[in-house]
Amino acid sequence: MRRLFWMGVGAAATVAVAQRLRTAWRKYTPEGVAEQVEQAGESAVAAGRSALDTFVQAFRTRERDLTAQLLVTPEGGDPSAVFHRTGKPAAQPSAPTDPAAERARPAGRVDPDEPLYDF
């Protein structure tokens, strides 16, 4: 009975080792290597997309926060004009002809009494 038990244990161990060897052998065949490269590429693309999505979301949030803090009324009174996301082309600024107009205070400043600085 003991011999039969140990023969069964040996047969089970042989099957397990053979299965592991088949898996390892498949891993290093050209098809197996191609699968590993494909999986690595897919995971790299997924990680890149995730990082880009996180960056874009943080960028837009920060942009909105800064716009809300720095501008009382955006130029032209249109909040979407600040982000240039109206779908309409951005308006081209006209060249001032009056020298005093060059020093004109930009629209939407928080503190109208704050002096303009030339650097």
N, C-alpha and C. Protein backbone atom coordinates (compact mmCIF):
# COMPACT_ATOMS: atom_id res chain seq x y z
N MET A 1 0.81 -1.18 0.00
CA MET A 1 0.00 0.00 0.00
C MET A 1 0.86 1.25 0.00
N ARG A 2 1.97 1.17 0.75
CA ARG A 2 2.86 2.32 0.78
C ARG A 2 3.45 2.59 -0.59
N ARG A 3 3.82 1.56 -1.29
CA ARG A 3 4.40 1.74 -2.62
C ARG A 3 3.40 2.37 -3.56
N LEU A 4 2.18 1.95 -3.49
CA LEU A 4 1.13 2.51 -4.35
C LEU A 4 0.93 4.00 -4.06
N PHE A 5 0.95 4.35 -2.78
CA PHE A 5 0.81 5.77 -2.40
C PHE A 5 1.95 6.59 -2.99
N TRP A 6 3.18 6.13 -2.83
CA TRP A 6 4.32 6.89 -3.32
C TRP A 6 4.39 6.90 -4.84
N MET A 7 3.89 5.89 -5.49
CA MET A 7 3.81 5.91 -6.96
C MET A 7 2.82 6.98 -7.41
N GLY A 8 1.72 7.11 -6.69
CA GLY A 8 0.72 8.15 -7.01
C GLY A 8 1.29 9.54 -6.80
N VAL A 9 2.01 9.74 -5.69
CA VAL A 9 2.64 11.04 -5.43
C VAL A 9 3.66 11.35 -6.52
N GLY A 10 4.43 10.36 -6.92
CA GLY A 10 5.43 10.57 -7.98
C GLY A 10 4.77 10.90 -9.31
N ALA A 11 3.67 10.21 -9.64
CA ALA A 11 2.96 10.49 -10.90
C ALA A 11 2.39 11.91 -10.89
N ALA A 12 1.81 12.32 -9.76
CA ALA A 12 1.25 13.67 -9.66
C ALA A 12 2.35 14.73 -9.78
N ALA A 13 3.48 14.49 -9.14
CA ALA A 13 4.59 15.43 -9.23
C ALA A 13 5.12 15.50 -10.65
N THR A 14 5.18 14.36 -11.34
CA THR A 14 5.65 14.34 -12.71
C THR A 14 4.73 15.14 -13.62
N VAL A 15 3.43 14.99 -13.43
CA VAL A 15 2.46 15.75 -14.24
C VAL A 15 2.61 17.25 -13.97
N ALA A 16 2.78 17.63 -12.70
CA ALA A 16 2.92 19.05 -12.35
C ALA A 16 4.20 19.64 -12.96
N VAL A 17 5.30 18.90 -12.88
CA VAL A 17 6.57 19.38 -13.44
C VAL A 17 6.47 19.47 -14.96
N ALA A 18 5.85 18.48 -15.58
CA ALA A 18 5.70 18.51 -17.04
C ALA A 18 4.88 19.71 -17.48
N GLN A 19 3.83 20.01 -16.74
CA GLN A 19 2.99 21.18 -17.07
C GLN A 19 3.80 22.47 -16.94
N ARG A 20 4.58 22.58 -15.90
CA ARG A 20 5.42 23.77 -15.71
C ARG A 20 6.45 23.90 -16.83
N LEU A 21 7.04 22.79 -17.22
CA LEU A 21 8.02 22.83 -18.31
C LEU A 21 7.36 23.25 -19.63
N ARG A 22 6.16 22.75 -19.90
CA ARG A 22 5.43 23.16 -21.11
C ARG A 22 5.15 24.66 -21.10
N THR A 23 4.74 25.18 -19.95
CA THR A 23 4.45 26.62 -19.83
C THR A 23 5.72 27.44 -20.04
N ALA A 24 6.82 27.02 -19.42
CA ALA A 24 8.08 27.73 -19.58
C ALA A 24 8.58 27.64 -21.02
N TRP A 25 8.43 26.49 -21.64
CA TRP A 25 8.84 26.32 -23.03
C TRP A 25 8.04 27.23 -23.94
N ARG A 26 6.75 27.31 -23.73
CA ARG A 26 5.87 28.16 -24.54
C ARG A 26 6.23 29.63 -24.38
N LYS A 27 6.67 29.99 -23.19
CA LYS A 27 7.02 31.38 -22.91
C LYS A 27 8.19 31.85 -23.76
N TYR A 28 9.10 30.96 -24.11
CA TYR A 28 10.29 31.34 -24.85
C TYR A 28 10.24 30.99 -26.33
N THR A 29 9.11 30.55 -26.82
CA THR A 29 8.94 30.34 -28.25
C THR A 29 8.66 31.69 -28.90
N PRO A 30 8.81 31.82 -30.21
CA PRO A 30 8.53 33.10 -30.87
C PRO A 30 7.10 33.61 -30.62
N GLU A 31 6.13 32.72 -30.60
CA GLU A 31 4.75 33.15 -30.34
C GLU A 31 4.60 33.67 -28.92
N GLY A 32 5.23 32.99 -27.97
CA GLY A 32 5.16 33.42 -26.57
C GLY A 32 5.83 34.76 -26.35
N VAL A 33 6.98 34.96 -26.99
CA VAL A 33 7.68 36.24 -26.87
C VAL A 33 6.84 37.36 -27.50
N ALA A 34 6.21 37.07 -28.65
CA ALA A 34 5.35 38.06 -29.30
C ALA A 34 4.19 38.45 -28.38
N GLU A 35 3.60 37.48 -27.70
CA GLU A 35 2.51 37.77 -26.76
C GLU A 35 3.00 38.66 -25.61
N GLN A 36 4.19 38.37 -25.09
CA GLN A 36 4.72 39.17 -23.99
C GLN A 36 4.99 40.61 -24.44
N VAL A 37 5.52 40.77 -25.65
CA VAL A 37 5.78 42.12 -26.16
C VAL A 37 4.47 42.86 -26.37
N GLU A 38 3.47 42.18 -26.89
CA GLU A 38 2.17 42.80 -27.11
C GLU A 38 1.54 43.24 -25.78
N GLN A 39 1.62 42.39 -24.77
CA GLN A 39 1.08 42.75 -23.46
C GLN A 39 1.82 43.93 -22.85
N ALA A 40 3.14 43.96 -23.00
CA ALA A 40 3.93 45.08 -22.47
C ALA A 40 3.56 46.38 -23.20
N GLY A 41 3.38 46.30 -24.50
CA GLY A 41 2.98 47.48 -25.26
C GLY A 41 1.62 48.00 -24.85
N GLU A 42 0.67 47.09 -24.67
CA GLU A 42 -0.68 47.49 -24.25
C GLU A 42 -0.66 48.14 -22.87
N SER A 43 0.13 47.60 -21.96
CA SER A 43 0.18 48.19 -20.62
C SER A 43 0.88 49.56 -20.66
N ALA A 44 1.88 49.73 -21.53
CA ALA A 44 2.55 51.02 -21.65
C ALA A 44 1.60 52.07 -22.23
N VAL A 45 0.82 51.68 -23.22
CA VAL A 45 -0.15 52.61 -23.82
C VAL A 45 -1.21 52.99 -22.78
N ALA A 46 -1.69 52.03 -22.02
CA ALA A 46 -2.69 52.32 -20.99
C ALA A 46 -2.13 53.25 -19.93
N ALA A 47 -0.89 53.03 -19.52
CA ALA A 47 -0.27 53.91 -18.52
C ALA A 47 -0.07 55.32 -19.07
N GLY A 48 0.32 55.41 -20.33
CA GLY A 48 0.50 56.73 -20.96
C GLY A 48 -0.81 57.48 -21.07
N ARG A 49 -1.87 56.79 -21.48
CA ARG A 49 -3.18 57.44 -21.58
C ARG A 49 -3.67 57.90 -20.21
N SER A 50 -3.46 57.07 -19.21
CA SER A 50 -3.88 57.44 -17.86
C SER A 50 -3.12 58.68 -17.38
N ALA A 51 -1.82 58.72 -17.61
CA ALA A 51 -1.03 59.88 -17.20
C ALA A 51 -1.46 61.13 -17.96
N LEU A 52 -1.73 61.00 -19.25
CA LEU A 52 -2.17 62.15 -20.05
C LEU A 52 -3.53 62.65 -19.59
N ASP A 53 -4.45 61.74 -19.31
CA ASP A 53 -5.77 62.14 -18.82
C ASP A 53 -5.67 62.87 -17.49
N THR A 54 -4.83 62.36 -16.59
CA THR A 54 -4.63 63.01 -15.30
C THR A 54 -4.04 64.40 -15.48
N PHE A 55 -3.05 64.53 -16.38
CA PHE A 55 -2.43 65.82 -16.63
C PHE A 55 -3.43 66.82 -17.20
N VAL A 56 -4.20 66.41 -18.19
CA VAL A 56 -5.17 67.31 -18.82
C VAL A 56 -6.22 67.75 -17.82
N GLN A 57 -6.70 66.84 -17.01
CA GLN A 57 -7.70 67.19 -16.00
C GLN A 57 -7.13 68.19 -15.00
N ALA A 58 -5.92 67.96 -14.52
CA ALA A 58 -5.29 68.88 -13.57
C ALA A 58 -5.01 70.22 -14.22
N PHE A 59 -4.60 70.21 -15.48
CA PHE A 59 -4.32 71.45 -16.20
C PHE A 59 -5.59 72.30 -16.33
N ARG A 60 -6.67 71.67 -16.73
CA ARG A 60 -7.93 72.42 -16.90
C ARG A 60 -8.46 72.94 -15.56
N THR A 61 -8.34 72.13 -14.52
CA THR A 61 -8.78 72.58 -13.20
C THR A 61 -7.96 73.78 -12.75
N ARG A 62 -6.66 73.71 -12.89
CA ARG A 62 -5.79 74.81 -12.48
C ARG A 62 -6.06 76.05 -13.32
N GLU A 63 -6.30 75.86 -14.61
CA GLU A 63 -6.60 76.98 -15.49
C GLU A 63 -7.87 77.70 -15.05
N ARG A 64 -8.89 76.93 -14.72
CA ARG A 64 -10.15 77.53 -14.25
C ARG A 64 -9.93 78.26 -12.92
N ASP A 65 -9.17 77.66 -12.01
CA ASP A 65 -8.90 78.29 -10.72
C ASP A 65 -8.17 79.62 -10.90
N LEU A 66 -7.14 79.61 -11.73
CA LEU A 66 -6.39 80.84 -11.94
C LEU A 66 -7.23 81.91 -12.62
N THR A 67 -8.04 81.52 -13.58
CA THR A 67 -8.90 82.48 -14.26
C THR A 67 -9.90 83.08 -13.30
N ALA A 68 -10.46 82.25 -12.44
CA ALA A 68 -11.42 82.75 -11.45
C ALA A 68 -10.75 83.69 -10.46
N GLN A 69 -9.50 83.44 -10.11
CA GLN A 69 -8.80 84.27 -9.14
C GLN A 69 -8.30 85.57 -9.76
N LEU A 70 -7.87 85.53 -11.01
CA LEU A 70 -7.21 86.69 -11.59
C LEU A 70 -8.12 87.59 -12.41
N LEU A 71 -9.23 87.08 -12.89
CA LEU A 71 -10.11 87.89 -13.73
C LEU A 71 -11.46 88.06 -13.07
N VAL A 72 -11.92 89.32 -12.99
CA VAL A 72 -13.26 89.57 -12.51
C VAL A 72 -14.23 89.36 -13.66
N THR A 73 -14.01 90.06 -14.75
CA THR A 73 -14.80 89.91 -15.95
C THR A 73 -13.84 89.69 -17.11
N PRO A 74 -13.92 88.57 -17.77
CA PRO A 74 -13.02 88.35 -18.91
C PRO A 74 -13.27 89.37 -20.01
N GLU A 75 -12.30 89.54 -20.86
CA GLU A 75 -12.41 90.50 -21.95
C GLU A 75 -13.64 90.19 -22.77
N GLY A 76 -14.41 91.21 -23.06
CA GLY A 76 -15.61 91.04 -23.85
C GLY A 76 -16.77 90.51 -23.04
N GLY A 77 -16.57 90.19 -21.77
CA GLY A 77 -17.64 89.70 -20.93
C GLY A 77 -18.02 88.25 -21.17
N ASP A 78 -17.28 87.56 -22.02
CA ASP A 78 -17.60 86.18 -22.35
C ASP A 78 -16.61 85.27 -21.64
N PRO A 79 -17.03 84.52 -20.60
CA PRO A 79 -16.09 83.67 -19.87
C PRO A 79 -15.43 82.62 -20.74
N SER A 80 -16.13 82.14 -21.75
CA SER A 80 -15.52 81.11 -22.60
C SER A 80 -14.45 81.69 -23.50
N ALA A 81 -14.41 83.02 -23.68
CA ALA A 81 -13.39 83.64 -24.51
C ALA A 81 -12.01 83.51 -23.86
N VAL A 82 -11.97 83.41 -22.54
CA VAL A 82 -10.70 83.27 -21.84
C VAL A 82 -10.05 81.95 -22.21
N PHE A 83 -10.85 80.92 -22.32
CA PHE A 83 -10.31 79.60 -22.63
C PHE A 83 -10.18 79.38 -24.12
N HIS A 84 -10.66 80.29 -24.95
CA HIS A 84 -10.60 80.16 -26.41
C HIS A 84 -11.21 78.84 -26.86
N ARG A 85 -12.32 78.45 -26.24
CA ARG A 85 -12.94 77.17 -26.56
C ARG A 85 -14.37 77.36 -27.04
N THR A 86 -14.65 78.46 -27.69
CA THR A 86 -16.01 78.73 -28.12
C THR A 86 -16.33 78.04 -29.43
N GLY A 87 -15.32 77.56 -30.13
CA GLY A 87 -15.53 76.99 -31.44
C GLY A 87 -15.38 78.05 -32.51
N LYS A 88 -15.46 79.32 -32.10
CA LYS A 88 -15.25 80.43 -33.02
C LYS A 88 -13.77 80.77 -33.02
N PRO A 89 -13.25 81.30 -34.13
CA PRO A 89 -11.85 81.69 -34.13
C PRO A 89 -11.62 82.84 -33.16
N ALA A 90 -10.44 82.87 -32.57
CA ALA A 90 -10.11 83.92 -31.61
C ALA A 90 -10.02 85.25 -32.33
N ALA A 91 -10.51 86.30 -31.69
CA ALA A 91 -10.50 87.63 -32.29
C ALA A 91 -9.06 88.13 -32.33
N GLN A 92 -8.69 88.74 -33.46
CA GLN A 92 -7.36 89.30 -33.62
C GLN A 92 -7.35 90.71 -33.04
N PRO A 93 -6.41 91.02 -32.15
CA PRO A 93 -6.38 92.37 -31.59
C PRO A 93 -5.95 93.37 -32.65
N SER A 94 -6.59 94.52 -32.64
CA SER A 94 -6.24 95.56 -33.59
C SER A 94 -5.06 96.36 -33.03
N ALA A 95 -4.23 96.87 -33.92
CA ALA A 95 -3.06 97.63 -33.51
C ALA A 95 -3.50 99.01 -33.05
N PRO A 96 -3.12 99.44 -31.84
CA PRO A 96 -3.51 100.77 -31.37
C PRO A 96 -2.74 101.85 -32.12
N THR A 97 -3.44 102.90 -32.46
CA THR A 97 -2.81 104.02 -33.15
C THR A 97 -2.45 105.12 -32.18
N ASP A 98 -3.13 105.19 -31.05
CA ASP A 98 -2.88 106.21 -30.05
C ASP A 98 -1.82 105.70 -29.08
N PRO A 99 -0.73 106.46 -28.81
CA PRO A 99 0.30 105.99 -27.86
C PRO A 99 -0.27 105.77 -26.46
N ALA A 100 -1.28 106.54 -26.08
CA ALA A 100 -1.87 106.34 -24.75
C ALA A 100 -2.62 105.02 -24.70
N ALA A 101 -3.10 104.55 -25.84
CA ALA A 101 -3.83 103.29 -25.88
C ALA A 101 -2.91 102.11 -25.62
N GLU A 102 -1.62 102.29 -25.92
CA GLU A 102 -0.67 101.20 -25.67
C GLU A 102 -0.52 100.95 -24.17
N ARG A 103 -0.68 101.99 -23.36
CA ARG A 103 -0.56 101.86 -21.92
C ARG A 103 -1.90 101.61 -21.26
N ALA A 104 -2.94 101.35 -22.07
CA ALA A 104 -4.27 101.15 -21.52
C ALA A 104 -4.28 99.92 -20.62
N ARG A 105 -5.05 99.99 -19.59
CA ARG A 105 -5.16 98.90 -18.64
C ARG A 105 -5.92 97.74 -19.29
N PRO A 106 -5.41 96.52 -19.21
CA PRO A 106 -6.14 95.39 -19.79
C PRO A 106 -7.47 95.18 -19.10
N ALA A 107 -8.43 94.67 -19.84
CA ALA A 107 -9.75 94.42 -19.28
C ALA A 107 -9.69 93.24 -18.33
N GLY A 108 -10.56 93.28 -17.30
CA GLY A 108 -10.68 92.15 -16.41
C GLY A 108 -9.70 92.15 -15.26
N ARG A 109 -9.04 93.27 -14.98
CA ARG A 109 -8.10 93.30 -13.86
C ARG A 109 -8.86 93.30 -12.55
N VAL A 110 -8.34 92.65 -11.55
CA VAL A 110 -9.00 92.56 -10.25
C VAL A 110 -8.96 93.90 -9.53
N ASP A 111 -7.79 94.55 -9.50
CA ASP A 111 -7.62 95.80 -8.78
C ASP A 111 -7.33 96.91 -9.78
N PRO A 112 -8.32 97.78 -10.08
CA PRO A 112 -8.09 98.83 -11.07
C PRO A 112 -7.10 99.90 -10.58
N ASP A 113 -6.83 99.97 -9.28
CA ASP A 113 -5.91 100.97 -8.76
C ASP A 113 -4.47 100.50 -8.76
N GLU A 114 -4.23 99.23 -9.07
CA GLU A 114 -2.87 98.71 -9.07
C GLU A 114 -2.12 99.28 -10.26
N PRO A 115 -0.91 99.82 -10.03
CA PRO A 115 -0.18 100.42 -11.16
C PRO A 115 0.36 99.34 -12.09
N LEU A 116 0.55 99.74 -13.35
CA LEU A 116 1.18 98.86 -14.32
C LEU A 116 2.69 98.99 -14.22
N TYR A 117 3.40 97.90 -14.31
CA TYR A 117 4.83 97.93 -14.17
C TYR A 117 5.46 97.63 -15.53
N ASP A 118 6.56 98.36 -15.83
CA ASP A 118 7.34 98.10 -17.04
C ASP A 118 8.62 97.43 -16.61
N PHE A 119 8.94 96.32 -17.21
CA PHE A 119 10.16 95.61 -16.88
C PHE A 119 11.11 95.65 -18.03
